[in-house]
């Protein structure tokens, strides 16, 4: 089993640009295409740009104690006019927009997309291990349900780089914008058949020890700022192909 960035839904690695910076943090500038530099924060400058911007790679879910914001990131945020995340995280309507897109089409259920064996295993795990009433969650998209497994895998209070960046921006009265709409991002799930989503969910439950091990490996690569390792792990993912 392989963990992919899409399978992790809103839980895994995606970039968060810190846009329109006034002053450069000390990071790689005009780096060559093939580089072994390990960094999560990159400066975008040159090519007649009036001022630099920054790209900071975030991971959506990790232990709160492991969430570290470097001085370089703090400096980049403090010198920025905008913080651009995947979604506009401080939008007052975002939660409502997300709720309306978490459900399967009318008449479709998770149980109907699974074999009896798959449903029994997932229902038992959600009910007894996660203490969630899976029988009442049957109209949610399976990949959304998959995202609920990761806090258990971590086994610790969780933290969010995105919300941390939002709080930092608010404290400095910096505008927060979104690069995508909720409809665009969650619309990706609609392109994956319910049966395939349900199989990925049941596979994660039945192979959870392996999934936890791979999730831990991904976290270690992120903490080591090993972008090449993260890319290799994502490219080798077999979750979405069903292999």
C-alpha atoms as a PDB file:
ATOM      1  CA  UNK A   1       0.000   0.000   0.000  1.00  0.00           C
ATOM      2  CA  UNK A   2       1.213   3.491  -0.822  1.00  0.00           C
ATOM      3  CA  UNK A   3       0.010   6.789   0.621  1.00  0.00           C
ATOM      4  CA  UNK A   4      -0.515   9.469  -1.999  1.00  0.00           C
ATOM      5  CA  UNK A   5      -1.003  13.186  -1.681  1.00  0.00           C
ATOM      6  CA  UNK A   6      -4.538  12.950  -3.056  1.00  0.00           C
ATOM      7  CA  UNK A   7      -5.490  10.074  -0.759  1.00  0.00           C
ATOM      8  CA  UNK A   8      -4.528  12.259   2.160  1.00  0.00           C
ATOM      9  CA  UNK A   9      -6.990  14.816   0.917  1.00  0.00           C
ATOM     10  CA  UNK A  10      -6.608  17.808   3.179  1.00  0.00           C
ATOM     11  CA  UNK A  11      -3.992  16.080   5.273  1.00  0.00           C
ATOM     12  CA  UNK A  12      -0.776  16.024   3.234  1.00  0.00           C
ATOM     13  CA  UNK A  13       1.956  17.867   1.329  1.00  0.00           C
ATOM     14  CA  UNK A  14       1.055  20.872  -0.873  1.00  0.00           C
ATOM     15  CA  UNK A  15       2.796  24.219  -1.380  1.00  0.00           C
ATOM     16  CA  UNK A  16       1.647  27.477   0.202  1.00  0.00           C
ATOM     17  CA  UNK A  17       3.116  30.553  -1.521  1.00  0.00           C
ATOM     18  CA  UNK A  18       3.804  33.649   0.540  1.00  0.00           C
ATOM     19  CA  UNK A  19       3.232  36.249  -2.102  1.00  0.00           C
ATOM     20  CA  UNK A  20       4.368  39.816  -2.830  1.00  0.00           C
ATOM     21  CA  UNK A  21       7.160  40.026  -0.282  1.00  0.00           C
ATOM     22  CA  UNK A  22       8.865  43.340   0.309  1.00  0.00           C
ATOM     23  CA  UNK A  23      12.173  41.943   1.444  1.00  0.00           C
ATOM     24  CA  UNK A  24      13.973  38.660   0.810  1.00  0.00           C
ATOM     25  CA  UNK A  25      14.526  36.004   3.440  1.00  0.00           C
ATOM     26  CA  UNK A  26      17.913  34.340   3.127  1.00  0.00           C
ATOM     27  CA  UNK A  27      16.991  31.355   0.975  1.00  0.00           C
ATOM     28  CA  UNK A  28      18.108  29.929  -2.342  1.00  0.00           C
ATOM     29  CA  UNK A  29      17.995  32.503  -5.124  1.00  0.00           C
ATOM     30  CA  UNK A  30      17.946  31.562  -8.798  1.00  0.00           C
ATOM     31  CA  UNK A  31      18.689  27.957  -7.842  1.00  0.00           C
ATOM     32  CA  UNK A  32      19.685  25.583 -10.657  1.00  0.00           C
ATOM     33  CA  UNK A  33      17.055  23.208 -11.987  1.00  0.00           C
ATOM     34  CA  UNK A  34      18.806  20.177 -10.491  1.00  0.00           C
ATOM     35  CA  UNK A  35      19.649  20.976  -6.885  1.00  0.00           C
ATOM     36  CA  UNK A  36      20.271  18.970  -3.754  1.00  0.00           C
ATOM     37  CA  UNK A  37      19.544  21.899  -1.446  1.00  0.00           C
ATOM     38  CA  UNK A  38      17.134  20.867   1.305  1.00  0.00           C
ATOM     39  CA  UNK A  39      14.697  23.635   2.114  1.00  0.00           C
ATOM     40  CA  UNK A  40      10.956  24.162   2.425  1.00  0.00           C
ATOM     41  CA  UNK A  41      11.168  27.922   1.849  1.00  0.00           C
ATOM     42  CA  UNK A  42      12.164  29.251  -1.574  1.00  0.00           C
ATOM     43  CA  UNK A  43      12.537  32.751  -2.930  1.00  0.00           C
ATOM     44  CA  UNK A  44      11.129  33.675  -6.339  1.00  0.00           C
ATOM     45  CA  UNK A  45      13.054  36.626  -7.737  1.00  0.00           C
ATOM     46  CA  UNK A  46      14.841  37.932 -10.820  1.00  0.00           C
ATOM     47  CA  UNK A  47      13.536  37.926 -14.402  1.00  0.00           C
ATOM     48  CA  UNK A  48      12.512  41.580 -14.032  1.00  0.00           C
ATOM     49  CA  UNK A  49      10.267  40.926 -11.021  1.00  0.00           C
ATOM     50  CA  UNK A  50       9.864  44.156  -9.077  1.00  0.00           C
ATOM     51  CA  UNK A  51      10.029  42.359  -5.738  1.00  0.00           C
ATOM     52  CA  UNK A  52      10.507  38.794  -4.554  1.00  0.00           C
ATOM     53  CA  UNK A  53       7.870  36.329  -3.430  1.00  0.00           C
ATOM     54  CA  UNK A  54       8.247  33.086  -1.508  1.00  0.00           C
ATOM     55  CA  UNK A  55       6.985  29.506  -1.708  1.00  0.00           C
ATOM     56  CA  UNK A  56       6.797  27.530   1.531  1.00  0.00           C
ATOM     57  CA  UNK A  57       5.963  23.822   1.446  1.00  0.00           C
ATOM     58  CA  UNK A  58       3.499  22.817   4.126  1.00  0.00           C
ATOM     59  CA  UNK A  59       2.212  19.480   5.352  1.00  0.00           C
ATOM     60  CA  UNK A  60      -1.425  19.543   6.362  1.00  0.00           C
ATOM     61  CA  UNK A  61      -1.321  17.331   9.422  1.00  0.00           C
ATOM     62  CA  UNK A  62       1.359  16.586  11.976  1.00  0.00           C
ATOM     63  CA  UNK A  63       1.833  16.445  15.720  1.00  0.00           C
ATOM     64  CA  UNK A  64       1.453  19.871  17.283  1.00  0.00           C
ATOM     65  CA  UNK A  65       4.791  19.477  19.051  1.00  0.00           C
ATOM     66  CA  UNK A  66       6.498  18.929  15.687  1.00  0.00           C
ATOM     67  CA  UNK A  67       5.103  22.097  14.133  1.00  0.00           C
ATOM     68  CA  UNK A  68       8.098  24.409  13.879  1.00  0.00           C
ATOM     69  CA  UNK A  69       8.033  27.835  12.214  1.00  0.00           C
ATOM     70  CA  UNK A  70      11.570  28.928  11.387  1.00  0.00           C
ATOM     71  CA  UNK A  71      12.805  32.493  11.715  1.00  0.00           C
ATOM     72  CA  UNK A  72      13.156  32.625   7.913  1.00  0.00           C
ATOM     73  CA  UNK A  73       9.446  31.804   7.487  1.00  0.00           C
ATOM     74  CA  UNK A  74       8.440  34.336  10.139  1.00  0.00           C
ATOM     75  CA  UNK A  75      10.525  36.954   8.348  1.00  0.00           C
ATOM     76  CA  UNK A  76       9.024  36.109   4.971  1.00  0.00           C
ATOM     77  CA  UNK A  77       5.484  36.363   6.315  1.00  0.00           C
ATOM     78  CA  UNK A  78       6.240  39.592   8.146  1.00  0.00           C
ATOM     79  CA  UNK A  79       7.591  41.193   4.970  1.00  0.00           C
ATOM     80  CA  UNK A  80       4.668  40.093   2.797  1.00  0.00           C
ATOM     81  CA  UNK A  81       1.588  41.934   1.612  1.00  0.00           C
ATOM     82  CA  UNK A  82      -0.423  38.731   1.101  1.00  0.00           C
ATOM     83  CA  UNK A  83      -0.361  35.106   2.204  1.00  0.00           C
ATOM     84  CA  UNK A  84      -1.775  32.802  -0.466  1.00  0.00           C
ATOM     85  CA  UNK A  85      -2.876  29.329   0.671  1.00  0.00           C
ATOM     86  CA  UNK A  86      -4.612  26.588  -1.291  1.00  0.00           C
ATOM     87  CA  UNK A  87      -7.930  27.820   0.099  1.00  0.00           C
ATOM     88  CA  UNK A  88      -8.919  31.104   1.690  1.00  0.00           C
ATOM     89  CA  UNK A  89      -8.689  29.695   5.208  1.00  0.00           C
ATOM     90  CA  UNK A  90     -10.086  32.789   6.907  1.00  0.00           C
ATOM     91  CA  UNK A  91     -13.154  32.993   4.663  1.00  0.00           C
ATOM     92  CA  UNK A  92     -16.318  33.084   6.816  1.00  0.00           C
ATOM     93  CA  UNK A  93     -18.124  30.904   4.268  1.00  0.00           C
ATOM     94  CA  UNK A  94     -15.480  28.196   3.792  1.00  0.00           C
ATOM     95  CA  UNK A  95     -16.863  25.765   6.381  1.00  0.00           C
ATOM     96  CA  UNK A  96     -20.336  25.935   4.884  1.00  0.00           C
ATOM     97  CA  UNK A  97     -18.972  25.525   1.354  1.00  0.00           C
ATOM     98  CA  UNK A  98     -17.041  22.443   2.436  1.00  0.00           C
ATOM     99  CA  UNK A  99     -19.997  20.874   4.218  1.00  0.00           C
ATOM    100  CA  UNK A 100     -22.046  21.047   1.046  1.00  0.00           C
ATOM    101  CA  UNK A 101     -19.400  19.068  -0.878  1.00  0.00           C
ATOM    102  CA  UNK A 102     -18.510  16.332   1.590  1.00  0.00           C
ATOM    103  CA  UNK A 103     -21.467  14.151   0.664  1.00  0.00           C
ATOM    104  CA  UNK A 104     -21.999  11.582  -2.049  1.00  0.00           C
ATOM    105  CA  UNK A 105     -24.667  12.249  -4.700  1.00  0.00           C
ATOM    106  CA  UNK A 106     -28.229  11.747  -3.513  1.00  0.00           C
ATOM    107  CA  UNK A 107     -29.107   8.068  -3.329  1.00  0.00           C
ATOM    108  CA  UNK A 108     -25.503   6.844  -3.147  1.00  0.00           C
ATOM    109  CA  UNK A 109     -23.920   5.441   0.026  1.00  0.00           C
ATOM    110  CA  UNK A 110     -20.500   4.205   1.085  1.00  0.00           C
ATOM    111  CA  UNK A 111     -22.004   0.822   1.896  1.00  0.00           C
ATOM    112  CA  UNK A 112     -23.300   0.534  -1.651  1.00  0.00           C
ATOM    113  CA  UNK A 113     -19.790   1.143  -2.991  1.00  0.00           C
ATOM    114  CA  UNK A 114     -18.163  -1.577  -0.849  1.00  0.00           C
ATOM    115  CA  UNK A 115     -18.222  -5.325  -0.570  1.00  0.00           C
ATOM    116  CA  UNK A 116     -19.832  -6.734   2.577  1.00  0.00           C
ATOM    117  CA  UNK A 117     -16.382  -7.651   3.903  1.00  0.00           C
ATOM    118  CA  UNK A 118     -14.988  -4.157   3.303  1.00  0.00           C
ATOM    119  CA  UNK A 119     -17.960  -2.489   4.964  1.00  0.00           C
ATOM    120  CA  UNK A 120     -17.801  -4.775   7.997  1.00  0.00           C
ATOM    121  CA  UNK A 121     -14.095  -4.028   8.535  1.00  0.00           C
ATOM    122  CA  UNK A 122     -14.471  -0.264   8.139  1.00  0.00           C
ATOM    123  CA  UNK A 123     -17.629  -0.093  10.248  1.00  0.00           C
ATOM    124  CA  UNK A 124     -15.943  -2.047  13.061  1.00  0.00           C
ATOM    125  CA  UNK A 125     -12.853   0.181  13.003  1.00  0.00           C
ATOM    126  CA  UNK A 126     -14.739   3.488  12.980  1.00  0.00           C
ATOM    127  CA  UNK A 127     -17.169   2.349  15.657  1.00  0.00           C
ATOM    128  CA  UNK A 128     -14.768   0.666  18.068  1.00  0.00           C
ATOM    129  CA  UNK A 129     -11.406   2.348  17.436  1.00  0.00           C
ATOM    130  CA  UNK A 130     -12.286   5.856  16.295  1.00  0.00           C
ATOM    131  CA  UNK A 131     -15.496   5.998  18.367  1.00  0.00           C
ATOM    132  CA  UNK A 132     -17.386   7.418  15.406  1.00  0.00           C
ATOM    133  CA  UNK A 133     -20.876   6.264  14.352  1.00  0.00           C
ATOM    134  CA  UNK A 134     -19.942   4.980  10.898  1.00  0.00           C
ATOM    135  CA  UNK A 135     -23.475   3.776  10.215  1.00  0.00           C
ATOM    136  CA  UNK A 136     -24.563   7.422  10.375  1.00  0.00           C
ATOM    137  CA  UNK A 137     -21.717   8.622   8.126  1.00  0.00           C
ATOM    138  CA  UNK A 138     -22.600   6.498   5.126  1.00  0.00           C
ATOM    139  CA  UNK A 139     -23.439   9.356   2.778  1.00  0.00           C
ATOM    140  CA  UNK A 140     -20.012  11.008   3.090  1.00  0.00           C
ATOM    141  CA  UNK A 141     -17.472  10.623   0.291  1.00  0.00           C
ATOM    142  CA  UNK A 142     -15.076   7.766   1.134  1.00  0.00           C
ATOM    143  CA  UNK A 143     -11.952   9.888   0.617  1.00  0.00           C
ATOM    144  CA  UNK A 144     -13.277  12.373   3.163  1.00  0.00           C
ATOM    145  CA  UNK A 145     -13.763   9.476   5.564  1.00  0.00           C
ATOM    146  CA  UNK A 146     -10.188   8.360   4.806  1.00  0.00           C
ATOM    147  CA  UNK A 147      -8.869  11.688   6.053  1.00  0.00           C
ATOM    148  CA  UNK A 148     -10.370  10.940   9.474  1.00  0.00           C
ATOM    149  CA  UNK A 149      -7.906   8.068   9.950  1.00  0.00           C
ATOM    150  CA  UNK A 150      -4.775  10.231  10.132  1.00  0.00           C
ATOM    151  CA  UNK A 151      -5.139  11.727  13.623  1.00  0.00           C
ATOM    152  CA  UNK A 152      -5.349   8.153  14.945  1.00  0.00           C
ATOM    153  CA  UNK A 153      -2.220   7.248  12.981  1.00  0.00           C
ATOM    154  CA  UNK A 154      -0.352  10.163  14.514  1.00  0.00           C
ATOM    155  CA  UNK A 155      -1.516   9.350  18.020  1.00  0.00           C
ATOM    156  CA  UNK A 156      -1.003  12.897  19.304  1.00  0.00           C
ATOM    157  CA  UNK A 157      -2.661  16.330  19.402  1.00  0.00           C
ATOM    158  CA  UNK A 158      -2.432  17.637  15.846  1.00  0.00           C
ATOM    159  CA  UNK A 159      -1.294  20.960  14.421  1.00  0.00           C
ATOM    160  CA  UNK A 160      -1.780  22.798  11.121  1.00  0.00           C
ATOM    161  CA  UNK A 161       0.764  24.932   9.288  1.00  0.00           C
ATOM    162  CA  UNK A 162      -2.040  26.538   7.308  1.00  0.00           C
ATOM    163  CA  UNK A 163      -3.909  27.763  10.369  1.00  0.00           C
ATOM    164  CA  UNK A 164      -0.622  28.865  11.927  1.00  0.00           C
ATOM    165  CA  UNK A 165       0.132  30.955   8.834  1.00  0.00           C
ATOM    166  CA  UNK A 166      -3.376  32.427   8.954  1.00  0.00           C
ATOM    167  CA  UNK A 167      -2.895  33.401  12.593  1.00  0.00           C
ATOM    168  CA  UNK A 168       0.495  34.962  11.813  1.00  0.00           C
ATOM    169  CA  UNK A 169      -1.012  36.908   8.911  1.00  0.00           C
ATOM    170  CA  UNK A 170      -3.941  38.135  10.992  1.00  0.00           C
ATOM    171  CA  UNK A 171      -1.632  39.286  13.760  1.00  0.00           C
ATOM    172  CA  UNK A 172       0.182  41.470  11.236  1.00  0.00           C
ATOM    173  CA  UNK A 173      -3.002  42.472   9.362  1.00  0.00           C
ATOM    174  CA  UNK A 174      -1.802  40.754   6.190  1.00  0.00           C
ATOM    175  CA  UNK A 175      -4.396  39.688   3.628  1.00  0.00           C
ATOM    176  CA  UNK A 176      -5.007  35.935   3.225  1.00  0.00           C
ATOM    177  CA  UNK A 177      -6.199  34.687  -0.168  1.00  0.00           C
ATOM    178  CA  UNK A 178      -6.906  31.278  -1.727  1.00  0.00           C
ATOM    179  CA  UNK A 179      -5.405  29.869  -4.911  1.00  0.00           C
ATOM    180  CA  UNK A 180      -8.371  27.538  -5.419  1.00  0.00           C
ATOM    181  CA  UNK A 181     -12.017  27.483  -4.486  1.00  0.00           C
ATOM    182  CA  UNK A 182     -13.544  24.787  -2.317  1.00  0.00           C
ATOM    183  CA  UNK A 183     -15.448  23.567  -5.376  1.00  0.00           C
ATOM    184  CA  UNK A 184     -12.241  23.226  -7.401  1.00  0.00           C
ATOM    185  CA  UNK A 185     -10.351  21.352  -4.709  1.00  0.00           C
ATOM    186  CA  UNK A 186     -13.056  18.974  -3.498  1.00  0.00           C
ATOM    187  CA  UNK A 187     -14.220  18.525  -7.074  1.00  0.00           C
ATOM    188  CA  UNK A 188     -11.171  16.307  -7.571  1.00  0.00           C
ATOM    189  CA  UNK A 189     -12.881  13.632  -5.498  1.00  0.00           C
ATOM    190  CA  UNK A 190     -15.820  13.567  -7.895  1.00  0.00           C
ATOM    191  CA  UNK A 191     -13.493  12.364 -10.659  1.00  0.00           C
ATOM    192  CA  UNK A 192     -12.684   9.198  -8.696  1.00  0.00           C
ATOM    193  CA  UNK A 193     -15.429   6.533  -8.781  1.00  0.00           C
ATOM    194  CA  UNK A 194     -17.083   5.839  -5.433  1.00  0.00           C
ATOM    195  CA  UNK A 195     -16.055   2.177  -5.609  1.00  0.00           C
ATOM    196  CA  UNK A 196     -12.390   3.134  -5.965  1.00  0.00           C
ATOM    197  CA  UNK A 197     -12.613   5.646  -3.123  1.00  0.00           C
ATOM    198  CA  UNK A 198     -14.298   3.028  -0.943  1.00  0.00           C
ATOM    199  CA  UNK A 199     -11.604   0.462  -1.757  1.00  0.00           C
ATOM    200  CA  UNK A 200      -8.885   2.938  -0.758  1.00  0.00           C
ATOM    201  CA  UNK A 201     -10.700   3.573   2.533  1.00  0.00           C
ATOM    202  CA  UNK A 202     -11.090  -0.108   3.338  1.00  0.00           C
ATOM    203  CA  UNK A 203      -7.499  -0.790   2.266  1.00  0.00           C
ATOM    204  CA  UNK A 204      -6.250   1.854   4.704  1.00  0.00           C
ATOM    205  CA  UNK A 205      -8.280   0.295   7.515  1.00  0.00           C
ATOM    206  CA  UNK A 206      -7.275  -3.299   6.820  1.00  0.00           C
ATOM    207  CA  UNK A 207      -3.616  -2.380   6.217  1.00  0.00           C
ATOM    208  CA  UNK A 208      -3.447   0.382   8.795  1.00  0.00           C
ATOM    209  CA  UNK A 209      -0.125  -0.729  10.281  1.00  0.00           C
ATOM    210  CA  UNK A 210       1.489  -0.411   6.869  1.00  0.00           C
ATOM    211  CA  UNK A 211      -0.310   2.876   6.210  1.00  0.00           C
ATOM    212  CA  UNK A 212       0.890   4.252   9.548  1.00  0.00           C
ATOM    213  CA  UNK A 213       4.453   3.240   8.732  1.00  0.00           C
ATOM    214  CA  UNK A 214       4.348   4.971   5.343  1.00  0.00           C
ATOM    215  CA  UNK A 215       2.732   8.067   6.809  1.00  0.00           C
ATOM    216  CA  UNK A 216       5.521   8.191   9.371  1.00  0.00           C
ATOM    217  CA  UNK A 217       8.102   7.863   6.592  1.00  0.00           C
ATOM    218  CA  UNK A 218       6.521  10.761   4.739  1.00  0.00           C
ATOM    219  CA  UNK A 219       6.572  12.906   7.870  1.00  0.00           C
ATOM    220  CA  UNK A 220      10.255  12.172   8.393  1.00  0.00           C
ATOM    221  CA  UNK A 221      11.048  13.203   4.815  1.00  0.00           C
ATOM    222  CA  UNK A 222       9.134  16.437   5.359  1.00  0.00           C
ATOM    223  CA  UNK A 223      10.881  17.199   8.636  1.00  0.00           C
ATOM    224  CA  UNK A 224      14.218  16.551   6.910  1.00  0.00           C
ATOM    225  CA  UNK A 225      13.113  19.030   4.185  1.00  0.00           C
ATOM    226  CA  UNK A 226      13.904  16.284   1.668  1.00  0.00           C
ATOM    227  CA  UNK A 227      11.923  17.439  -1.364  1.00  0.00           C
ATOM    228  CA  UNK A 228      13.483  14.861  -3.669  1.00  0.00           C
ATOM    229  CA  UNK A 229      12.521  12.103  -1.259  1.00  0.00           C
ATOM    230  CA  UNK A 230       8.965  13.425  -1.014  1.00  0.00           C
ATOM    231  CA  UNK A 231       8.693  13.585  -4.798  1.00  0.00           C
ATOM    232  CA  UNK A 232       9.961  10.019  -5.150  1.00  0.00           C
ATOM    233  CA  UNK A 233       7.492   8.766  -2.554  1.00  0.00           C
ATOM    234  CA  UNK A 234       4.604  10.531  -4.300  1.00  0.00           C
ATOM    235  CA  UNK A 235       5.616   9.270  -7.739  1.00  0.00           C
ATOM    236  CA  UNK A 236       5.866   5.700  -6.418  1.00  0.00           C
ATOM    237  CA  UNK A 237       2.393   5.873  -4.887  1.00  0.00           C
ATOM    238  CA  UNK A 238       0.075   3.079  -5.938  1.00  0.00           C
ATOM    239  CA  UNK A 239      -2.986   4.167  -3.963  1.00  0.00           C
ATOM    240  CA  UNK A 240      -4.747   5.972  -6.779  1.00  0.00           C
ATOM    241  CA  UNK A 241      -3.918   3.361  -9.394  1.00  0.00           C
ATOM    242  CA  UNK A 242      -5.289   0.589  -7.175  1.00  0.00           C
ATOM    243  CA  UNK A 243      -2.158  -1.518  -7.688  1.00  0.00           C
END
